[in-house]
Amino acid sequence: KAGNPWKKKEWVLETLNAQYPRKVKVQCFGDRSD
């Protein structure tokens, strides 16, 4: 809304080394997405 550009990336990961693996959606926002 302030006129600043933004970007983000998203992935789905499945946990390792767990009795019951879970799926987790993670994101990376801003400069870290590069």
Full PDB file with SEQRES, HELIX, SHEET, SSBOND, CRYST1, ORIGX, SCALE, CONECT and MASTER records, all heavy atoms in Angstrom:
SEQRES   1 A   34  LYS ALA GLY ASN PRO TRP LYS LYS LYS GLU TRP VAL LEU          
SEQRES   2 A   34  GLU THR LEU ASN ALA GLN TYR PRO ARG LYS VAL LYS VAL          
SEQRES   3 A   34  GLN CYS PHE GLY ASP ARG SER ASP                              
HELIX    1 AA1 GLY A   30  SER A   33  5                                   4    
SHEET    1 AA1 2 LYS A   8  GLU A  14  0                                        
SHEET    2 AA1 2 LYS A  23  PHE A  29 -1                                        
CRYST1    1.000    1.000    1.000  90.00  90.00  90.00 P 1           1          
ORIGX1      1.000000  0.000000  0.000000        0.00000                         
ORIGX2      0.000000  1.000000  0.000000        0.00000                         
ORIGX3      0.000000  0.000000  1.000000        0.00000                         
SCALE1      1.000000  0.000000  0.000000        0.00000                         
SCALE2      0.000000  1.000000  0.000000        0.00000                         
SCALE3      0.000000  0.000000  1.000000        0.00000                         
ATOM      1  N   LYS A   1       0.820  -1.209   0.000  1.00  0.00           N  
ATOM      2  CA  LYS A   1       0.000   0.000   0.000  1.00  0.00           C  
ATOM      3  C   LYS A   1       0.855   1.262   0.000  1.00  0.00           C  
ATOM      4  O   LYS A   1       0.462   2.286  -0.521  1.00  0.00           O  
ATOM      5  CB  LYS A   1      -0.930   0.018   1.208  1.00  0.00           C  
ATOM      6  CG  LYS A   1      -2.016  -1.017   1.157  1.00  0.00           C  
ATOM      7  CD  LYS A   1      -2.905  -0.931   2.397  1.00  0.00           C  
ATOM      8  CE  LYS A   1      -3.939  -2.022   2.393  1.00  0.00           C  
ATOM      9  NZ  LYS A   1      -4.773  -1.982   3.612  1.00  0.00           N  
ATOM     10  N   ALA A   2       2.044   1.135   0.598  1.00  0.00           N  
ATOM     11  CA  ALA A   2       2.960   2.278   0.662  1.00  0.00           C  
ATOM     12  C   ALA A   2       3.759   2.439  -0.629  1.00  0.00           C  
ATOM     13  O   ALA A   2       4.553   3.370  -0.746  1.00  0.00           O  
ATOM     14  CB  ALA A   2       3.915   2.115   1.838  1.00  0.00           C  
ATOM     15  N   GLY A   3       3.557   1.563  -1.589  1.00  0.00           N  
ATOM     16  CA  GLY A   3       4.252   1.663  -2.866  1.00  0.00           C  
ATOM     17  C   GLY A   3       5.584   0.948  -2.915  1.00  0.00           C  
ATOM     18  O   GLY A   3       6.337   1.095  -3.885  1.00  0.00           O  
ATOM     19  N   ASN A   4       5.901   0.148  -1.912  1.00  0.00           N  
ATOM     20  CA  ASN A   4       7.168  -0.595  -1.883  1.00  0.00           C  
ATOM     21  C   ASN A   4       6.996  -1.976  -2.515  1.00  0.00           C  
ATOM     22  O   ASN A   4       6.020  -2.669  -2.218  1.00  0.00           O  
ATOM     23  CB  ASN A   4       7.676  -0.756  -0.451  1.00  0.00           C  
ATOM     24  CG  ASN A   4       7.927   0.575   0.215  1.00  0.00           C  
ATOM     25  OD1 ASN A   4       8.438   1.491  -0.407  1.00  0.00           O  
ATOM     26  ND2 ASN A   4       7.552   0.692   1.480  1.00  0.00           N  
ATOM     27  N   PRO A   5       7.943  -2.394  -3.347  1.00  0.00           N  
ATOM     28  CA  PRO A   5       7.836  -3.736  -3.933  1.00  0.00           C  
ATOM     29  C   PRO A   5       8.162  -4.807  -2.886  1.00  0.00           C  
ATOM     30  O   PRO A   5       8.946  -4.585  -1.974  1.00  0.00           O  
ATOM     31  CB  PRO A   5       8.897  -3.722  -5.041  1.00  0.00           C  
ATOM     32  CG  PRO A   5       9.878  -2.682  -4.627  1.00  0.00           C  
ATOM     33  CD  PRO A   5       9.107  -1.657  -3.842  1.00  0.00           C  
ATOM     34  N   TRP A   6       7.525  -5.977  -3.016  1.00  0.00           N  
ATOM     35  CA  TRP A   6       7.782  -7.099  -2.132  1.00  0.00           C  
ATOM     36  C   TRP A   6       7.768  -8.385  -2.957  1.00  0.00           C  
ATOM     37  O   TRP A   6       7.209  -8.418  -4.056  1.00  0.00           O  
ATOM     38  CB  TRP A   6       6.766  -7.196  -0.997  1.00  0.00           C  
ATOM     39  CG  TRP A   6       5.349  -7.388  -1.466  1.00  0.00           C  
ATOM     40  CD1 TRP A   6       4.443  -6.421  -1.729  1.00  0.00           C  
ATOM     41  CD2 TRP A   6       4.708  -8.640  -1.768  1.00  0.00           C  
ATOM     42  NE1 TRP A   6       3.259  -6.966  -2.163  1.00  0.00           N  
ATOM     43  CE2 TRP A   6       3.399  -8.337  -2.194  1.00  0.00           C  
ATOM     44  CE3 TRP A   6       5.096  -9.959  -1.712  1.00  0.00           C  
ATOM     45  CZ2 TRP A   6       2.489  -9.323  -2.571  1.00  0.00           C  
ATOM     46  CZ3 TRP A   6       4.186 -10.945  -2.083  1.00  0.00           C  
ATOM     47  CH2 TRP A   6       2.896 -10.620  -2.502  1.00  0.00           C  
ATOM     48  N   LYS A   7       8.393  -9.417  -2.405  1.00  0.00           N  
ATOM     49  CA  LYS A   7       8.331 -10.742  -3.029  1.00  0.00           C  
ATOM     50  C   LYS A   7       8.535 -11.799  -1.962  1.00  0.00           C  
ATOM     51  O   LYS A   7       9.132 -11.545  -0.913  1.00  0.00           O  
ATOM     52  CB  LYS A   7       9.350 -10.887  -4.152  1.00  0.00           C  
ATOM     53  CG  LYS A   7      10.785 -10.759  -3.743  1.00  0.00           C  
ATOM     54  CD  LYS A   7      11.682 -10.879  -4.965  1.00  0.00           C  
ATOM     55  CE  LYS A   7      13.113 -10.511  -4.592  1.00  0.00           C  
ATOM     56  NZ  LYS A   7      13.989 -10.619  -5.737  1.00  0.00           N  
ATOM     57  N   LYS A   8       8.014 -12.990  -2.229  1.00  0.00           N  
ATOM     58  CA  LYS A   8       8.196 -14.113  -1.323  1.00  0.00           C  
ATOM     59  C   LYS A   8       8.179 -15.413  -2.111  1.00  0.00           C  
ATOM     60  O   LYS A   8       7.585 -15.503  -3.187  1.00  0.00           O  
ATOM     61  CB  LYS A   8       7.152 -14.137  -0.212  1.00  0.00           C  
ATOM     62  CG  LYS A   8       5.769 -14.559  -0.634  1.00  0.00           C  
ATOM     63  CD  LYS A   8       4.849 -14.668   0.577  1.00  0.00           C  
ATOM     64  CE  LYS A   8       3.444 -15.075   0.152  1.00  0.00           C  
ATOM     65  NZ  LYS A   8       2.568 -15.269   1.296  1.00  0.00           N  
ATOM     66  N   LYS A   9       8.872 -16.414  -1.549  1.00  0.00           N  
ATOM     67  CA  LYS A   9       8.881 -17.765  -2.098  1.00  0.00           C  
ATOM     68  C   LYS A   9       8.298 -18.695  -1.047  1.00  0.00           C  
ATOM     69  O   LYS A   9       8.442 -18.454   0.153  1.00  0.00           O  
ATOM     70  CB  LYS A   9      10.315 -18.221  -2.408  1.00  0.00           C  
ATOM     71  CG  LYS A   9      10.983 -17.471  -3.531  1.00  0.00           C  
ATOM     72  CD  LYS A   9      12.391 -18.016  -3.725  1.00  0.00           C  
ATOM     73  CE  LYS A   9      13.146 -17.254  -4.776  1.00  0.00           C  
ATOM     74  NZ  LYS A   9      14.538 -17.739  -4.900  1.00  0.00           N  
ATOM     75  N   GLU A  10       7.662 -19.776  -1.502  1.00  0.00           N  
ATOM     76  CA  GLU A  10       7.053 -20.735  -0.577  1.00  0.00           C  
ATOM     77  C   GLU A  10       7.392 -22.165  -1.007  1.00  0.00           C  
ATOM     78  O   GLU A  10       7.466 -22.456  -2.202  1.00  0.00           O  
ATOM     79  CB  GLU A  10       5.534 -20.569  -0.542  1.00  0.00           C  
ATOM     80  CG  GLU A  10       5.079 -19.236  -0.002  1.00  0.00           C  
ATOM     81  CD  GLU A  10       3.568 -19.093  -0.002  1.00  0.00           C  
ATOM     82  OE1 GLU A  10       2.917 -19.522  -0.989  1.00  0.00           O  
ATOM     83  OE2 GLU A  10       3.038 -18.565   0.981  1.00  0.00           O  
ATOM     84  N   TRP A  11       7.584 -23.025  -0.002  1.00  0.00           N  
ATOM     85  CA  TRP A  11       7.868 -24.434  -0.214  1.00  0.00           C  
ATOM     86  C   TRP A  11       7.057 -25.263   0.777  1.00  0.00           C  
ATOM     87  O   TRP A  11       6.659 -24.774   1.821  1.00  0.00           O  
ATOM     88  CB  TRP A  11       9.341 -24.756   0.054  1.00  0.00           C  
ATOM     89  CG  TRP A  11      10.313 -24.038  -0.805  1.00  0.00           C  
ATOM     90  CD1 TRP A  11      10.842 -24.454  -1.998  1.00  0.00           C  
ATOM     91  CD2 TRP A  11      10.923 -22.771  -0.539  1.00  0.00           C  
ATOM     92  NE1 TRP A  11      11.732 -23.527  -2.476  1.00  0.00           N  
ATOM     93  CE2 TRP A  11      11.796 -22.479  -1.595  1.00  0.00           C  
ATOM     94  CE3 TRP A  11      10.804 -21.842   0.491  1.00  0.00           C  
ATOM     95  CZ2 TRP A  11      12.555 -21.329  -1.654  1.00  0.00           C  
ATOM     96  CZ3 TRP A  11      11.556 -20.685   0.434  1.00  0.00           C  
ATOM     97  CH2 TRP A  11      12.419 -20.439  -0.629  1.00  0.00           C  
ATOM     98  N   VAL A  12       6.875 -26.536   0.457  1.00  0.00           N  
ATOM     99  CA  VAL A  12       6.308 -27.499   1.401  1.00  0.00           C  
ATOM    100  C   VAL A  12       7.408 -28.498   1.712  1.00  0.00           C  
ATOM    101  O   VAL A  12       8.006 -29.086   0.796  1.00  0.00           O  
ATOM    102  CB  VAL A  12       5.070 -28.217   0.830  1.00  0.00           C  
ATOM    103  CG1 VAL A  12       4.552 -29.257   1.818  1.00  0.00           C  
ATOM    104  CG2 VAL A  12       3.983 -27.217   0.483  1.00  0.00           C  
ATOM    105  N   LEU A  13       7.701 -28.670   3.006  1.00  0.00           N  
ATOM    106  CA  LEU A  13       8.712 -29.620   3.457  1.00  0.00           C  
ATOM    107  C   LEU A  13       8.041 -30.701   4.283  1.00  0.00           C  
ATOM    108  O   LEU A  13       7.027 -30.453   4.941  1.00  0.00           O  
ATOM    109  CB  LEU A  13       9.771 -28.936   4.324  1.00  0.00           C  
ATOM    110  CG  LEU A  13      10.836 -28.117   3.602  1.00  0.00           C  
ATOM    111  CD1 LEU A  13      10.318 -26.763   3.214  1.00  0.00           C  
ATOM    112  CD2 LEU A  13      12.049 -27.996   4.470  1.00  0.00           C  
ATOM    113  N   GLU A  14       8.622 -31.885   4.243  1.00  0.00           N  
ATOM    114  CA  GLU A  14       8.172 -32.977   5.102  1.00  0.00           C  
ATOM    115  C   GLU A  14       9.271 -33.228   6.120  1.00  0.00           C  
ATOM    116  O   GLU A  14      10.441 -33.396   5.752  1.00  0.00           O  
ATOM    117  CB  GLU A  14       7.901 -34.235   4.285  1.00  0.00           C  
ATOM    118  CG  GLU A  14       7.325 -35.363   5.112  1.00  0.00           C  
ATOM    119  CD  GLU A  14       6.881 -36.521   4.240  1.00  0.00           C  
ATOM    120  OE1 GLU A  14       7.738 -37.109   3.570  1.00  0.00           O  
ATOM    121  OE2 GLU A  14       5.685 -36.826   4.237  1.00  0.00           O  
ATOM    122  N   THR A  15       8.901 -33.248   7.401  1.00  0.00           N  
ATOM    123  CA  THR A  15       9.896 -33.395   8.458  1.00  0.00           C  
ATOM    124  C   THR A  15      10.573 -34.756   8.371  1.00  0.00           C  
ATOM    125  O   THR A  15       9.955 -35.757   8.000  1.00  0.00           O  
ATOM    126  CB  THR A  15       9.268 -33.219   9.845  1.00  0.00           C  
ATOM    127  OG1 THR A  15       8.226 -34.185  10.016  1.00  0.00           O  
ATOM    128  CG2 THR A  15       8.710 -31.824  10.023  1.00  0.00           C  
ATOM    129  N   LEU A  16      11.856 -34.769   8.727  1.00  0.00           N  
ATOM    130  CA  LEU A  16      12.654 -35.999   8.737  1.00  0.00           C  
ATOM    131  C   LEU A  16      12.840 -36.464  10.167  1.00  0.00           C  
ATOM    132  O   LEU A  16      12.684 -35.698  11.109  1.00  0.00           O  
ATOM    133  CB  LEU A  16      14.027 -35.731   8.119  1.00  0.00           C  
ATOM    134  CG  LEU A  16      14.052 -35.274   6.665  1.00  0.00           C  
ATOM    135  CD1 LEU A  16      15.477 -34.963   6.244  1.00  0.00           C  
ATOM    136  CD2 LEU A  16      13.455 -36.334   5.754  1.00  0.00           C  
ATOM    137  N   ASN A  17      13.244 -37.721  10.329  1.00  0.00           N  
ATOM    138  CA  ASN A  17      13.594 -38.291  11.632  1.00  0.00           C  
ATOM    139  C   ASN A  17      12.474 -38.172  12.650  1.00  0.00           C  
ATOM    140  O   ASN A  17      12.713 -37.909  13.814  1.00  0.00           O  
ATOM    141  CB  ASN A  17      14.868 -37.652  12.186  1.00  0.00           C  
ATOM    142  CG  ASN A  17      16.048 -37.855  11.277  1.00  0.00           C  
ATOM    143  OD1 ASN A  17      16.142 -38.881  10.622  1.00  0.00           O  
ATOM    144  ND2 ASN A  17      16.931 -36.886  11.228  1.00  0.00           N  
ATOM    145  N   ALA A  18      11.265 -38.328  12.214  1.00  0.00           N  
ATOM    146  CA  ALA A  18      10.128 -38.276  13.132  1.00  0.00           C  
ATOM    147  C   ALA A  18       9.299 -39.546  12.952  1.00  0.00           C  
ATOM    148  O   ALA A  18       9.216 -40.089  11.855  1.00  0.00           O  
ATOM    149  CB  ALA A  18       9.272 -37.050  12.847  1.00  0.00           C  
ATOM    150  N   GLN A  19       8.680 -39.979  14.033  1.00  0.00           N  
ATOM    151  CA  GLN A  19       7.833 -41.167  13.939  1.00  0.00           C  
ATOM    152  C   GLN A  19       6.657 -40.894  13.001  1.00  0.00           C  
ATOM    153  O   GLN A  19       6.266 -41.753  12.230  1.00  0.00           O  
ATOM    154  CB  GLN A  19       7.333 -41.560  15.321  1.00  0.00           C  
ATOM    155  CG  GLN A  19       6.532 -42.835  15.308  1.00  0.00           C  
ATOM    156  CD  GLN A  19       6.121 -43.270  16.707  1.00  0.00           C  
ATOM    157  OE1 GLN A  19       6.384 -42.597  17.678  1.00  0.00           O  
ATOM    158  NE2 GLN A  19       5.454 -44.400  16.789  1.00  0.00           N  
ATOM    159  N   TYR A  20       6.103 -39.694  13.084  1.00  0.00           N  
ATOM    160  CA  TYR A  20       4.988 -39.296  12.236  1.00  0.00           C  
ATOM    161  C   TYR A  20       5.398 -38.033  11.484  1.00  0.00           C  
ATOM    162  O   TYR A  20       5.222 -36.924  11.990  1.00  0.00           O  
ATOM    163  CB  TYR A  20       3.735 -39.033  13.067  1.00  0.00           C  
ATOM    164  CG  TYR A  20       3.317 -40.229  13.886  1.00  0.00           C  
ATOM    165  CD1 TYR A  20       3.515 -40.257  15.258  1.00  0.00           C  
ATOM    166  CD2 TYR A  20       2.742 -41.338  13.281  1.00  0.00           C  
ATOM    167  CE1 TYR A  20       3.143 -41.357  16.012  1.00  0.00           C  
ATOM    168  CE2 TYR A  20       2.373 -42.444  14.019  1.00  0.00           C  
ATOM    169  CZ  TYR A  20       2.570 -42.444  15.390  1.00  0.00           C  
ATOM    170  OH  TYR A  20       2.207 -43.537  16.128  1.00  0.00           O  
ATOM    171  N   PRO A  21       5.960 -38.176  10.268  1.00  0.00           N  
ATOM    172  CA  PRO A  21       6.394 -36.988   9.518  1.00  0.00           C  
ATOM    173  C   PRO A  21       5.230 -36.036   9.257  1.00  0.00           C  
ATOM    174  O   PRO A  21       4.097 -36.459   9.021  1.00  0.00           O  
ATOM    175  CB  PRO A  21       6.926 -37.567   8.212  1.00  0.00           C  
ATOM    176  CG  PRO A  21       7.228 -39.000   8.516  1.00  0.00           C  
ATOM    177  CD  PRO A  21       6.242 -39.413   9.563  1.00  0.00           C  
ATOM    178  N   ARG A  22       5.521 -34.757   9.345  1.00  0.00           N  
ATOM    179  CA  ARG A  22       4.519 -33.708   9.123  1.00  0.00           C  
ATOM    180  C   ARG A  22       4.919 -32.880   7.916  1.00  0.00           C  
ATOM    181  O   ARG A  22       6.091 -32.702   7.622  1.00  0.00           O  
ATOM    182  CB  ARG A  22       4.452 -32.775  10.331  1.00  0.00           C  
ATOM    183  CG  ARG A  22       4.205 -33.457  11.635  1.00  0.00           C  
ATOM    184  CD  ARG A  22       2.745 -33.713  11.819  1.00  0.00           C  
ATOM    185  NE  ARG A  22       2.500 -34.178  13.178  1.00  0.00           N  
ATOM    186  CZ  ARG A  22       1.601 -35.068  13.474  1.00  0.00           C  
ATOM    187  NH1 ARG A  22       0.861 -35.589  12.547  1.00  0.00           N  
ATOM    188  NH2 ARG A  22       1.421 -35.447  14.712  1.00  0.00           N  
ATOM    189  N   LYS A  23       3.941 -32.346   7.243  1.00  0.00           N  
ATOM    190  CA  LYS A  23       4.188 -31.427   6.145  1.00  0.00           C  
ATOM    191  C   LYS A  23       4.046 -30.004   6.684  1.00  0.00           C  
ATOM    192  O   LYS A  23       3.096 -29.697   7.400  1.00  0.00           O  
ATOM    193  CB  LYS A  23       3.216 -31.677   5.010  1.00  0.00           C  
ATOM    194  CG  LYS A  23       3.475 -33.010   4.319  1.00  0.00           C  
ATOM    195  CD  LYS A  23       2.467 -33.270   3.230  1.00  0.00           C  
ATOM    196  CE  LYS A  23       2.742 -34.545   2.493  1.00  0.00           C  
ATOM    197  NZ  LYS A  23       2.620 -35.742   3.292  1.00  0.00           N  
ATOM    198  N   VAL A  24       5.036 -29.153   6.342  1.00  0.00           N  
ATOM    199  CA  VAL A  24       5.055 -27.789   6.842  1.00  0.00           C  
ATOM    200  C   VAL A  24       5.281 -26.850   5.657  1.00  0.00           C  
ATOM    201  O   VAL A  24       6.238 -27.031   4.899  1.00  0.00           O  
ATOM    202  CB  VAL A  24       6.195 -27.588   7.877  1.00  0.00           C  
ATOM    203  CG1 VAL A  24       6.217 -26.164   8.380  1.00  0.00           C  
ATOM    204  CG2 VAL A  24       6.060 -28.570   9.024  1.00  0.00           C  
ATOM    205  N   LYS A  25       4.398 -25.862   5.499  1.00  0.00           N  
ATOM    206  CA  LYS A  25       4.600 -24.841   4.466  1.00  0.00           C  
ATOM    207  C   LYS A  25       5.447 -23.736   5.063  1.00  0.00           C  
ATOM    208  O   LYS A  25       5.125 -23.186   6.116  1.00  0.00           O  
ATOM    209  CB  LYS A  25       3.277 -24.255   3.976  1.00  0.00           C  
ATOM    210  CG  LYS A  25       3.481 -23.266   2.818  1.00  0.00           C  
ATOM    211  CD  LYS A  25       2.204 -22.574   2.440  1.00  0.00           C  
ATOM    212  CE  LYS A  25       1.955 -21.489   3.424  1.00  0.00           C  
ATOM    213  NZ  LYS A  25       1.632 -20.194   3.011  1.00  0.00           N  
ATOM    214  N   VAL A  26       6.567 -23.437   4.395  1.00  0.00           N  
ATOM    215  CA  VAL A  26       7.458 -22.383   4.863  1.00  0.00           C  
ATOM    216  C   VAL A  26       7.547 -21.317   3.780  1.00  0.00           C  
ATOM    217  O   VAL A  26       7.255 -21.567   2.601  1.00  0.00           O  
ATOM    218  CB  VAL A  26       8.863 -22.927   5.205  1.00  0.00           C  
ATOM    219  CG1 VAL A  26       8.798 -23.945   6.334  1.00  0.00           C  
ATOM    220  CG2 VAL A  26       9.544 -23.521   3.993  1.00  0.00           C  
ATOM    221  N   GLN A  27       7.937 -20.118   4.210  1.00  0.00           N  
ATOM    222  CA  GLN A  27       8.064 -19.025   3.251  1.00  0.00           C  
ATOM    223  C   GLN A  27       9.337 -18.244   3.527  1.00  0.00           C  
ATOM    224  O   GLN A  27       9.895 -18.300   4.615  1.00  0.00           O  
ATOM    225  CB  GLN A  27       6.869 -18.093   3.331  1.00  0.00           C  
ATOM    226  CG  GLN A  27       6.805 -17.304   4.623  1.00  0.00           C  
ATOM    227  CD  GLN A  27       5.624 -16.364   4.648  1.00  0.00           C  
ATOM    228  OE1 GLN A  27       4.732 -16.438   3.821  1.00  0.00           O  
ATOM    229  NE2 GLN A  27       5.612 -15.459   5.605  1.00  0.00           N  
ATOM    230  N   CYS A  28       9.763 -17.535   2.519  1.00  0.00           N  
ATOM    231  CA  CYS A  28      10.915 -16.653   2.635  1.00  0.00           C  
ATOM    232  C   CYS A  28      10.489 -15.330   2.021  1.00  0.00           C  
ATOM    233  O   CYS A  28      10.025 -15.282   0.884  1.00  0.00           O  
ATOM    234  CB  CYS A  28      12.096 -17.262   1.892  1.00  0.00           C  
ATOM    235  SG  CYS A  28      13.596 -16.357   2.119  1.00  0.00           S  
ATOM    236  N   PHE A  29      10.620 -14.254   2.780  1.00  0.00           N  
ATOM    237  CA  PHE A  29      10.054 -12.970   2.388  1.00  0.00           C  
ATOM    238  C   PHE A  29      11.154 -11.928   2.200  1.00  0.00           C  
ATOM    239  O   PHE A  29      12.140 -11.920   2.922  1.00  0.00           O  
ATOM    240  CB  PHE A  29       9.076 -12.501   3.470  1.00  0.00           C  
ATOM    241  CG  PHE A  29       8.213 -11.348   3.066  1.00  0.00           C  
ATOM    242  CD1 PHE A  29       7.102 -11.543   2.266  1.00  0.00           C  
ATOM    243  CD2 PHE A  29       8.526 -10.068   3.477  1.00  0.00           C  
ATOM    244  CE1 PHE A  29       6.306 -10.479   1.896  1.00  0.00           C  
ATOM    245  CE2 PHE A  29       7.737  -8.991   3.112  1.00  0.00           C  
ATOM    246  CZ  PHE A  29       6.621  -9.204   2.315  1.00  0.00           C  
ATOM    247  N   GLY A  30      10.968 -11.054   1.242  1.00  0.00           N  
ATOM    248  CA  GLY A  30      11.872  -9.917   1.055  1.00  0.00           C  
ATOM    249  C   GLY A  30      13.211 -10.297   0.446  1.00  0.00           C  
ATOM    250  O   GLY A  30      13.307 -11.164  -0.420  1.00  0.00           O  
ATOM    251  N   ASP A  31      14.276  -9.635   0.935  1.00  0.00           N  
ATOM    252  CA  ASP A  31      15.616  -9.843   0.384  1.00  0.00           C  
ATOM    253  C   ASP A  31      16.114 -11.267   0.574  1.00  0.00           C  
ATOM    254  O   ASP A  31      16.934 -11.749  -0.208  1.00  0.00           O  
ATOM    255  CB  ASP A  31      16.612  -8.877   1.026  1.00  0.00           C  
ATOM    256  CG  ASP A  31      16.324  -7.427   0.664  1.00  0.00           C  
ATOM    257  OD1 ASP A  31      15.662  -7.195  -0.374  1.00  0.00           O  
ATOM    258  OD2 ASP A  31      16.744  -6.536   1.427  1.00  0.00           O  
ATOM    259  N   ARG A  32      15.660 -11.935   1.592  1.00  0.00           N  
ATOM    260  CA  ARG A  32      16.115 -13.317   1.833  1.00  0.00           C  
ATOM    261  C   ARG A  32      15.656 -14.262   0.719  1.00  0.00           C  
ATOM    262  O   ARG A  32      16.261 -15.299   0.505  1.00  0.00           O  
ATOM    263  CB  ARG A  32      15.595 -13.819   3.172  1.00  0.00           C  
ATOM    264  CG  ARG A  32      16.289 -13.154   4.329  1.00  0.00           C  
ATOM    265  CD  ARG A  32      16.154 -13.997   5.581  1.00  0.00           C  
ATOM    266  NE  ARG A  32      16.996 -13.461   6.620  1.00  0.00           N  
ATOM    267  CZ  ARG A  32      16.539 -12.877   7.713  1.00  0.00           C  
ATOM    268  NH1 ARG A  32      15.245 -12.781   7.908  1.00  0.00           N  
ATOM    269  NH2 ARG A  32      17.374 -12.422   8.620  1.00  0.00           N  
ATOM    270  N   SER A  33      14.585 -13.908   0.028  1.00  0.00           N  
ATOM    271  CA  SER A  33      14.106 -14.792  -1.029  1.00  0.00           C  
ATOM    272  C   SER A  33      15.100 -14.886  -2.186  1.00  0.00           C  
ATOM    273  O   SER A  33      15.047 -15.835  -2.963  1.00  0.00           O  
ATOM    274  CB  SER A  33      12.727 -14.351  -1.528  1.00  0.00           C  
ATOM    275  OG  SER A  33      12.805 -13.077  -2.130  1.00  0.00           O  
ATOM    276  N   ASP A  34      16.021 -13.922  -2.295  1.00  0.00           N  
ATOM    277  CA  ASP A  34      17.059 -14.017  -3.322  1.00  0.00           C  
ATOM    278  C   ASP A  34      18.160 -14.988  -2.919  1.00  0.00           C  
ATOM    279  O   ASP A  34      18.757 -15.651  -3.759  1.00  0.00           O  
ATOM    280  CB  ASP A  34      17.681 -12.636  -3.587  1.00  0.00           C  
ATOM    281  CG  ASP A  34      16.697 -11.680  -4.244  1.00  0.00           C  
ATOM    282  OD1 ASP A  34      15.793 -12.149  -4.960  1.00  0.00           O  
ATOM    283  OD2 ASP A  34      16.837 -10.460  -4.026  1.00  0.00           O  
TER     284      ASP A  34                                                      
MASTER        0    0    0    1    2    0    0    6  283    1    0    3          
END                                                                             
